[in-house]
Amino acid sequence: MRIAVSSDMDEPVARLLAGELRGRGHEVRLHGALSPGADPRWAACSEQAAREVAEGRADQAVVCCWTGTGASIAANKVPGVRAALCADAYTADGARRWNDANVLALSLRLTSGPLLREILDAWFAAGPSDDAEDRDNVTHVERLDRSRAAQ
């Protein structure tokens, strides 16, 4: 799987994230402080990673900033992206399952190595739900994207 990864700071957990994804066999595309010469601002690098997903150059993305909040906000401004800020494995599972999230947002401050692995395990183990209500909600969000783009 092709995964875009962005971080506004070159923190140990961000480097661990990239290494962990590579170790799981994914192709990792780095943005922000993890890519020399790239724009490290959280809004810019999160947008770049999210655009890779929206434009089909990446299957998913993981965006990081100190709290994860700004990275998730920026990523969610890109039409077609459903970014979820996840601080635990249960939330990551639900984000993939019920929300069909395609971008994982993480806090550089709160995410330890063991917690990162738990979140990634849950994220990759879950897939989008086939439940009609869940699919209807995702379709509704997609319509919101289209109506925003048409304005």
C-alpha atoms as a PDB file:
ATOM      1  CA  MET A   1       0.000   0.000   0.000  1.00  0.00           C
ATOM      2  CA  ARG A   2       1.197   3.537  -0.766  1.00  0.00           C
ATOM      3  CA  ILE A   3       0.999   5.729   2.326  1.00  0.00           C
ATOM      4  CA  ALA A   4       1.744   9.449   2.484  1.00  0.00           C
ATOM      5  CA  VAL A   5       3.151  10.523   5.854  1.00  0.00           C
ATOM      6  CA  SER A   6       3.459  14.102   7.043  1.00  0.00           C
ATOM      7  CA  SER A   7       4.783  15.658  10.213  1.00  0.00           C
ATOM      8  CA  ASP A   8       5.439  19.256  11.087  1.00  0.00           C
ATOM      9  CA  MET A   9       8.310  18.224  13.359  1.00  0.00           C
ATOM     10  CA  ASP A  10      11.082  15.668  13.019  1.00  0.00           C
ATOM     11  CA  GLU A  11      10.157  13.877  16.250  1.00  0.00           C
ATOM     12  CA  PRO A  12      11.152  10.328  17.244  1.00  0.00           C
ATOM     13  CA  VAL A  13       7.546   9.081  16.970  1.00  0.00           C
ATOM     14  CA  ALA A  14       7.292  10.471  13.420  1.00  0.00           C
ATOM     15  CA  ARG A  15      10.472   8.639  12.398  1.00  0.00           C
ATOM     16  CA  LEU A  16       9.191   5.512  14.164  1.00  0.00           C
ATOM     17  CA  LEU A  17       5.920   5.815  12.222  1.00  0.00           C
ATOM     18  CA  ALA A  18       7.708   5.899   8.865  1.00  0.00           C
ATOM     19  CA  GLY A  19       9.909   2.953   9.845  1.00  0.00           C
ATOM     20  CA  GLU A  20       6.993   0.949  11.199  1.00  0.00           C
ATOM     21  CA  LEU A  21       5.018   1.454   7.984  1.00  0.00           C
ATOM     22  CA  ARG A  22       8.000   0.419   5.853  1.00  0.00           C
ATOM     23  CA  GLY A  23       8.507  -2.599   8.094  1.00  0.00           C
ATOM     24  CA  ARG A  24       4.917  -3.614   7.383  1.00  0.00           C
ATOM     25  CA  GLY A  25       5.687  -3.575   3.665  1.00  0.00           C
ATOM     26  CA  HIS A  26       4.160  -0.228   2.726  1.00  0.00           C
ATOM     27  CA  GLU A  27       5.609   2.292   0.291  1.00  0.00           C
ATOM     28  CA  VAL A  28       6.019   5.488   2.337  1.00  0.00           C
ATOM     29  CA  ARG A  29       5.978   8.974   0.821  1.00  0.00           C
ATOM     30  CA  LEU A  30       7.282  11.614   3.254  1.00  0.00           C
ATOM     31  CA  HIS A  31       6.150  15.235   3.621  1.00  0.00           C
ATOM     32  CA  GLY A  32       6.970  18.131   5.914  1.00  0.00           C
ATOM     33  CA  ALA A  33       9.800  17.936   8.419  1.00  0.00           C
ATOM     34  CA  LEU A  34      10.474  14.309   7.416  1.00  0.00           C
ATOM     35  CA  SER A  35      11.386  15.380   3.876  1.00  0.00           C
ATOM     36  CA  PRO A  36      14.436  17.692   3.624  1.00  0.00           C
ATOM     37  CA  GLY A  37      13.540  20.986   1.970  1.00  0.00           C
ATOM     38  CA  ALA A  38       9.773  20.438   2.177  1.00  0.00           C
ATOM     39  CA  ASP A  39       7.382  22.874   3.860  1.00  0.00           C
ATOM     40  CA  PRO A  40       7.135  21.697   7.502  1.00  0.00           C
ATOM     41  CA  ARG A  41       4.108  23.787   8.507  1.00  0.00           C
ATOM     42  CA  TRP A  42       1.354  21.455   9.759  1.00  0.00           C
ATOM     43  CA  ALA A  43      -1.293  22.946   7.489  1.00  0.00           C
ATOM     44  CA  ALA A  44       0.869  22.679   4.370  1.00  0.00           C
ATOM     45  CA  CYS A  45       2.358  19.220   4.888  1.00  0.00           C
ATOM     46  CA  SER A  46      -0.954  17.717   6.048  1.00  0.00           C
ATOM     47  CA  GLU A  47      -2.637  19.117   2.940  1.00  0.00           C
ATOM     48  CA  GLN A  48       0.093  17.643   0.721  1.00  0.00           C
ATOM     49  CA  ALA A  49      -0.296  14.171   2.219  1.00  0.00           C
ATOM     50  CA  ALA A  50      -4.106  14.376   2.014  1.00  0.00           C
ATOM     51  CA  ARG A  51      -3.969  15.492  -1.633  1.00  0.00           C
ATOM     52  CA  GLU A  52      -1.927  12.394  -2.441  1.00  0.00           C
ATOM     53  CA  VAL A  53      -4.888  10.323  -1.205  1.00  0.00           C
ATOM     54  CA  ALA A  54      -7.537  12.466  -2.911  1.00  0.00           C
ATOM     55  CA  GLU A  55      -5.665  12.348  -6.224  1.00  0.00           C
ATOM     56  CA  GLY A  56      -4.936   8.612  -6.045  1.00  0.00           C
ATOM     57  CA  ARG A  57      -1.148   8.840  -5.646  1.00  0.00           C
ATOM     58  CA  ALA A  58      -1.464   7.278  -2.167  1.00  0.00           C
ATOM     59  CA  ASP A  59      -3.953   4.765  -0.823  1.00  0.00           C
ATOM     60  CA  GLN A  60      -3.976   6.311   2.651  1.00  0.00           C
ATOM     61  CA  ALA A  61      -2.120   8.924   4.666  1.00  0.00           C
ATOM     62  CA  VAL A  62      -0.976   9.510   8.215  1.00  0.00           C
ATOM     63  CA  VAL A  63      -0.689  13.159   9.232  1.00  0.00           C
ATOM     64  CA  CYS A  64       0.987  14.310  12.441  1.00  0.00           C
ATOM     65  CA  CYS A  65       1.397  17.468  14.446  1.00  0.00           C
ATOM     66  CA  TRP A  66       1.913  18.169  18.153  1.00  0.00           C
ATOM     67  CA  THR A  67      -1.731  17.517  19.112  1.00  0.00           C
ATOM     68  CA  GLY A  68      -2.897  15.959  15.836  1.00  0.00           C
ATOM     69  CA  THR A  69      -5.796  18.401  15.734  1.00  0.00           C
ATOM     70  CA  GLY A  70      -4.378  20.868  13.220  1.00  0.00           C
ATOM     71  CA  ALA A  71      -3.176  18.071  10.952  1.00  0.00           C
ATOM     72  CA  SER A  72      -6.649  16.502  10.949  1.00  0.00           C
ATOM     73  CA  ILE A  73      -8.351  19.851  10.279  1.00  0.00           C
ATOM     74  CA  ALA A  74      -6.058  20.622   7.340  1.00  0.00           C
ATOM     75  CA  ALA A  75      -6.409  17.135   5.860  1.00  0.00           C
ATOM     76  CA  ASN A  76     -10.209  17.273   6.140  1.00  0.00           C
ATOM     77  CA  LYS A  77     -10.305  20.436   4.011  1.00  0.00           C
ATOM     78  CA  VAL A  78      -9.205  18.355   1.004  1.00  0.00           C
ATOM     79  CA  PRO A  79     -12.296  17.003  -0.821  1.00  0.00           C
ATOM     80  CA  GLY A  80     -12.475  13.225  -0.701  1.00  0.00           C
ATOM     81  CA  VAL A  81     -10.508  12.949   2.512  1.00  0.00           C
ATOM     82  CA  ARG A  82     -11.964  11.611   5.731  1.00  0.00           C
ATOM     83  CA  ALA A  83      -9.268  12.186   8.360  1.00  0.00           C
ATOM     84  CA  ALA A  84      -9.683  10.880  11.897  1.00  0.00           C
ATOM     85  CA  LEU A  85      -7.654  11.931  14.920  1.00  0.00           C
ATOM     86  CA  CYS A  86      -7.013   8.702  16.818  1.00  0.00           C
ATOM     87  CA  ALA A  87      -5.438   8.462  20.254  1.00  0.00           C
ATOM     88  CA  ASP A  88      -6.149   4.758  20.793  1.00  0.00           C
ATOM     89  CA  ALA A  89      -6.729   1.511  18.924  1.00  0.00           C
ATOM     90  CA  TYR A  90     -10.504   1.442  19.514  1.00  0.00           C
ATOM     91  CA  THR A  91     -10.924   4.864  17.883  1.00  0.00           C
ATOM     92  CA  ALA A  92      -8.710   3.829  14.952  1.00  0.00           C
ATOM     93  CA  ASP A  93     -10.800   0.699  14.410  1.00  0.00           C
ATOM     94  CA  GLY A  94     -14.040   2.686  14.511  1.00  0.00           C
ATOM     95  CA  ALA A  95     -12.691   5.372  12.207  1.00  0.00           C
ATOM     96  CA  ARG A  96     -11.902   2.797   9.538  1.00  0.00           C
ATOM     97  CA  ARG A  97     -14.996   0.677  10.128  1.00  0.00           C
ATOM     98  CA  TRP A  98     -17.801   3.220  10.591  1.00  0.00           C
ATOM     99  CA  ASN A  99     -16.342   6.307   8.917  1.00  0.00           C
ATOM    100  CA  ASP A 100     -14.292   4.710   6.124  1.00  0.00           C
ATOM    101  CA  ALA A 101     -11.496   7.086   7.150  1.00  0.00           C
ATOM    102  CA  ASN A 102      -8.657   7.227   4.651  1.00  0.00           C
ATOM    103  CA  VAL A 103      -6.335   9.502   6.640  1.00  0.00           C
ATOM    104  CA  LEU A 104      -5.124   8.806  10.161  1.00  0.00           C
ATOM    105  CA  ALA A 105      -4.152  11.832  12.256  1.00  0.00           C
ATOM    106  CA  LEU A 106      -1.822  11.361  15.219  1.00  0.00           C
ATOM    107  CA  SER A 107      -0.499  13.475  18.071  1.00  0.00           C
ATOM    108  CA  LEU A 108       3.283  13.652  18.275  1.00  0.00           C
ATOM    109  CA  ARG A 109       2.943  14.565  21.951  1.00  0.00           C
ATOM    110  CA  LEU A 110       0.654  11.757  23.104  1.00  0.00           C
ATOM    111  CA  THR A 111       1.618   8.813  20.891  1.00  0.00           C
ATOM    112  CA  SER A 112       4.228   6.458  22.338  1.00  0.00           C
ATOM    113  CA  GLY A 113       5.893   3.674  20.362  1.00  0.00           C
ATOM    114  CA  PRO A 114       3.731   0.868  21.801  1.00  0.00           C
ATOM    115  CA  LEU A 115       0.560   2.933  21.375  1.00  0.00           C
ATOM    116  CA  LEU A 116       1.537   3.762  17.784  1.00  0.00           C
ATOM    117  CA  ARG A 117       1.819   0.056  16.978  1.00  0.00           C
ATOM    118  CA  GLU A 118      -1.580  -0.662  18.577  1.00  0.00           C
ATOM    119  CA  ILE A 119      -3.218   2.143  16.592  1.00  0.00           C
ATOM    120  CA  LEU A 120      -1.644   0.952  13.336  1.00  0.00           C
ATOM    121  CA  ASP A 121      -2.640  -2.662  14.042  1.00  0.00           C
ATOM    122  CA  ALA A 122      -6.265  -1.606  14.538  1.00  0.00           C
ATOM    123  CA  TRP A 123      -6.243   0.797  11.567  1.00  0.00           C
ATOM    124  CA  PHE A 124      -4.975  -1.811   9.114  1.00  0.00           C
ATOM    125  CA  ALA A 125      -7.041  -4.688  10.522  1.00  0.00           C
ATOM    126  CA  ALA A 126     -10.331  -2.840  10.076  1.00  0.00           C
ATOM    127  CA  GLY A 127     -12.061  -2.158   6.800  1.00  0.00           C
ATOM    128  CA  PRO A 128     -15.110  -0.160   5.822  1.00  0.00           C
ATOM    129  CA  SER A 129     -18.394  -1.496   7.162  1.00  0.00           C
ATOM    130  CA  ASP A 130     -20.971  -2.979   4.812  1.00  0.00           C
ATOM    131  CA  ASP A 131     -23.792  -1.872   7.129  1.00  0.00           C
ATOM    132  CA  ALA A 132     -26.326   0.227   5.202  1.00  0.00           C
ATOM    133  CA  GLU A 133     -26.489   2.969   7.838  1.00  0.00           C
ATOM    134  CA  ASP A 134     -22.701   3.268   7.973  1.00  0.00           C
ATOM    135  CA  ARG A 135     -22.458   3.447   4.169  1.00  0.00           C
ATOM    136  CA  ASP A 136     -25.275   6.023   4.098  1.00  0.00           C
ATOM    137  CA  ASN A 137     -23.352   8.227   6.522  1.00  0.00           C
ATOM    138  CA  VAL A 138     -20.174   8.029   4.438  1.00  0.00           C
ATOM    139  CA  THR A 139     -22.206   8.822   1.293  1.00  0.00           C
ATOM    140  CA  HIS A 140     -23.690  11.828   3.094  1.00  0.00           C
ATOM    141  CA  VAL A 141     -20.189  13.114   3.916  1.00  0.00           C
ATOM    142  CA  GLU A 142     -19.165  12.629   0.280  1.00  0.00           C
ATOM    143  CA  ARG A 143     -22.171  14.738  -0.779  1.00  0.00           C
ATOM    144  CA  LEU A 144     -21.032  17.453   1.614  1.00  0.00           C
ATOM    145  CA  ASP A 145     -17.635  17.418  -0.125  1.00  0.00           C
ATOM    146  CA  ARG A 146     -19.254  17.788  -3.549  1.00  0.00           C
ATOM    147  CA  SER A 147     -21.571  20.596  -2.435  1.00  0.00           C
ATOM    148  CA  ARG A 148     -18.643  22.487  -0.860  1.00  0.00           C
ATOM    149  CA  ALA A 149     -16.602  22.100  -4.045  1.00  0.00           C
ATOM    150  CA  ALA A 150     -19.516  23.390  -6.156  1.00  0.00           C
ATOM    151  CA  GLN A 151     -19.817  26.627  -4.164  1.00  0.00           C
END
